[in-house]
Protein backbone atom coordinates (compact mmCIF):
# COMPACT_ATOMS: atom_id res chain seq x y z
CA MET A 1 27.99 58.21 3.81
CA ASN A 2 24.68 56.44 3.51
CA ARG A 3 24.23 53.51 5.92
CA LEU A 4 22.80 51.27 3.22
CA THR A 5 25.81 51.67 0.97
CA ALA A 6 28.15 51.10 3.89
CA PHE A 7 26.65 47.63 4.56
CA PRO A 8 28.91 45.13 2.82
CA ILE A 9 27.38 43.46 -0.23
CA LYS A 10 28.87 40.12 0.83
CA GLN A 11 26.76 40.12 4.02
CA ILE A 12 23.59 40.90 2.06
CA GLY A 13 24.31 37.90 -0.15
CA LEU A 14 24.85 35.63 2.84
CA ILE A 15 21.70 36.84 4.59
CA SER A 16 19.53 36.42 1.48
CA THR A 17 20.96 32.93 0.92
CA PHE A 18 20.17 32.05 4.55
CA PHE A 19 16.56 33.23 4.20
CA PHE A 20 16.16 31.38 0.90
CA ILE A 21 17.35 28.09 2.45
CA CYS A 22 15.08 28.59 5.47
CA SER A 23 12.07 29.25 3.23
CA LEU A 24 12.77 26.03 1.31
CA ALA A 25 12.80 24.07 4.55
CA LEU A 26 9.55 25.66 5.69
CA PHE A 27 7.65 25.27 2.46
CA SER A 28 9.00 21.98 1.13
CA GLU A 29 6.30 19.34 1.27
CA GLU A 30 6.83 15.92 2.72
CA PRO A 31 6.09 13.26 0.11
CA GLU A 32 2.54 11.97 0.29
CA LYS A 33 2.34 8.50 1.75
CA VAL A 34 -0.34 5.87 1.53
CA LYS A 35 -1.01 3.38 4.30
CA VAL A 36 -1.45 -0.05 2.74
CA ASN A 37 -2.90 -2.98 4.70
CA VAL A 38 -2.66 -6.49 3.28
CA LEU A 39 -4.49 -9.43 4.83
CA VAL A 40 -2.79 -12.70 3.93
CA ILE A 41 -5.57 -15.29 4.04
CA LEU A 42 -5.39 -19.03 3.50
CA GLY A 43 -8.52 -20.52 2.00
CA SER A 44 -9.42 -24.19 2.24
CA LYS A 45 -11.80 -26.50 0.41
CA SER A 46 -11.70 -29.12 3.19
CA ASP A 47 -11.67 -27.08 6.42
CA LYS A 48 -14.95 -25.48 7.49
CA GLU A 49 -13.55 -23.09 10.11
CA ILE A 50 -13.74 -19.36 9.36
CA CYS A 51 -11.68 -16.89 11.38
CA PRO A 52 -14.19 -14.58 13.15
CA LYS A 53 -12.36 -11.48 11.83
CA LEU A 54 -12.90 -12.72 8.25
CA LYS A 55 -16.63 -13.60 8.35
CA LEU A 56 -17.81 -10.69 6.15
CA LEU A 57 -14.88 -10.95 3.77
CA ALA A 58 -15.26 -14.75 3.56
CA ALA A 59 -18.91 -14.32 2.52
CA GLU A 60 -17.82 -12.00 -0.33
CA ILE A 61 -15.07 -14.41 -1.43
CA GLN A 62 -17.50 -17.35 -1.40
CA LYS A 63 -19.66 -15.46 -3.91
CA LYS A 64 -16.74 -15.80 -6.35
CA ASP A 65 -15.65 -19.31 -5.32
CA SER A 66 -18.21 -21.31 -3.35
CA SER A 67 -15.85 -24.30 -3.04
CA LEU A 68 -13.79 -22.38 -0.44
CA THR A 69 -15.22 -23.20 2.97
CA GLY A 70 -12.45 -22.40 5.47
CA PHE A 71 -10.58 -19.11 5.93
CA LYS A 72 -7.58 -18.52 8.18
CA LEU A 73 -5.79 -15.19 8.68
CA SER A 74 -2.12 -16.02 8.17
CA LYS A 75 -0.80 -12.50 8.76
CA THR A 76 -1.53 -8.81 8.45
CA ILE A 77 0.95 -6.48 6.77
CA CYS A 78 0.82 -2.70 7.30
CA GLU A 79 3.15 -0.47 5.29
CA SER A 80 3.38 3.23 4.48
CA ILE A 81 4.34 3.64 0.84
CA GLU A 82 5.26 6.95 -0.75
CA MET A 83 3.14 7.85 -3.78
CA GLY A 84 5.03 6.87 -6.93
CA LYS A 85 7.04 4.19 -5.09
CA CYS A 86 6.88 0.40 -4.71
CA LYS A 87 7.56 -2.13 -1.95
CA GLU A 88 7.89 -5.89 -1.88
CA LEU A 89 5.92 -7.65 0.83
CA GLU A 90 6.62 -11.19 2.02
CA LEU A 91 3.48 -13.32 2.06
CA VAL A 92 3.73 -17.10 2.68
CA ASP A 93 6.20 -19.81 1.63
CA ASN A 94 8.77 -17.09 0.73
CA LYS A 95 6.37 -15.70 -1.90
CA VAL A 96 6.41 -11.94 -2.32
CA MET A 97 4.05 -9.38 -3.78
CA LYS A 98 5.26 -6.13 -5.26
CA ILE A 99 2.85 -3.28 -4.61
CA CYS A 100 3.14 0.17 -6.18
CA VAL A 101 1.17 3.30 -5.33
CA ASN A 102 0.82 5.33 -8.50
CA LYS A 103 1.85 8.98 -8.26
CA GLN A 104 -1.38 10.31 -9.79
CA LEU A 105 -4.98 9.81 -8.68
CA ASN A 106 -7.60 8.78 -11.23
CA GLU A 107 -10.27 11.17 -12.54
CA ASP A 108 -12.52 10.36 -9.55
CA GLY A 109 -9.73 11.20 -7.07
CA LYS A 110 -9.15 7.55 -6.14
CA MET A 111 -5.72 6.06 -5.55
CA ILE A 112 -4.37 3.68 -8.16
CA LEU A 113 -2.45 0.61 -7.02
CA THR A 114 -0.44 -1.76 -9.16
CA ILE A 115 0.18 -5.14 -7.58
CA HIS A 116 2.03 -8.27 -8.65
CA PRO A 117 0.53 -11.17 -6.63
CA PRO A 118 1.99 -14.67 -6.98
CA THR A 119 0.69 -16.61 -10.01
CA LEU A 120 -1.45 -13.74 -11.35
CA GLY A 121 0.88 -11.21 -12.93
CA GLN A 122 0.31 -7.48 -12.81
CA ILE A 123 -3.03 -6.01 -11.72
CA THR A 124 -3.72 -2.26 -11.74
CA TYR A 125 -6.87 -0.94 -10.13
CA SER A 126 -8.29 2.15 -8.46
CA CYS A 127 -9.22 1.59 -4.87
CA LYS A 128 -11.89 2.95 -2.64
CA CYS A 129 -10.33 4.33 0.53
CA GLU A 130 -10.58 2.03 3.54
CA LYS A 131 -12.30 -0.81 1.63
CA TYR A 132 -10.61 -4.18 1.19
CA PHE A 133 -10.15 -5.49 -2.34
CA PRO A 134 -10.00 -9.34 -2.26
CA ILE A 135 -7.87 -11.30 -4.72
CA ILE A 136 -8.02 -15.08 -4.99
CA THR A 137 -4.70 -16.31 -6.36
CA THR A 138 -4.06 -19.76 -7.81
CA TYR A 139 -1.08 -20.29 -5.50
CA LYS A 140 -1.40 -23.31 -3.20
CA THR A 141 0.71 -23.49 -0.05
CA LYS A 142 3.42 -26.09 0.37
CA SER A 143 1.69 -27.51 3.47
CA ASP A 144 -0.16 -30.83 3.40
CA GLN A 145 -3.49 -29.01 3.31
CA GLN A 146 -2.64 -27.15 0.06
CA GLN A 147 -4.44 -23.97 1.10
CA ILE A 148 -5.15 -21.28 -1.49
CA LEU A 149 -3.52 -17.88 -1.03
CA ILE A 150 -6.05 -15.05 -0.85
CA LEU A 151 -5.07 -11.41 -0.45
CA ALA A 152 -7.24 -8.53 0.74
CA ILE A 153 -5.72 -5.09 0.14
CA MET A 154 -6.81 -1.74 1.54
CA ALA A 155 -5.17 1.66 1.11
CA LYS A 156 -5.69 5.13 2.52
CA LYS A 157 -3.71 8.37 2.45
CA CYS A 158 -1.59 9.06 5.52
CA ASN A 159 -1.37 12.87 5.21
């Protein structure tokens, strides 16, 4: 009797199933993630102090709104977001911003983000990797100083 025919068919099926499952585990790709950094900045029309870390960004913002003279870094948020997914980020005064990383890149190979900052509605834009995109909202904080919420968003691929 031939050795190949003597080998039980059931065992061949189990072995091939095992190798198929192992190959899926080896070749399955981890979802692409994007590292998103958000600077939560409070701008002031009365304060003149500018956080040293924000000097260059403050100069760019002042080109758009010269009445803003003071800039304070309230917090920095760093999140890894899977492409095609969204996350909500807490900003100030219990305000949140939903940020989505689109699954597809644009024709130039840039990532596309869709954000929902307080008071502005939905904004979709393509971003240059590792460059901050500043957004001046119309939201004023509940504090006595009524500071204006400014966001600076940067994204880069993790993989």
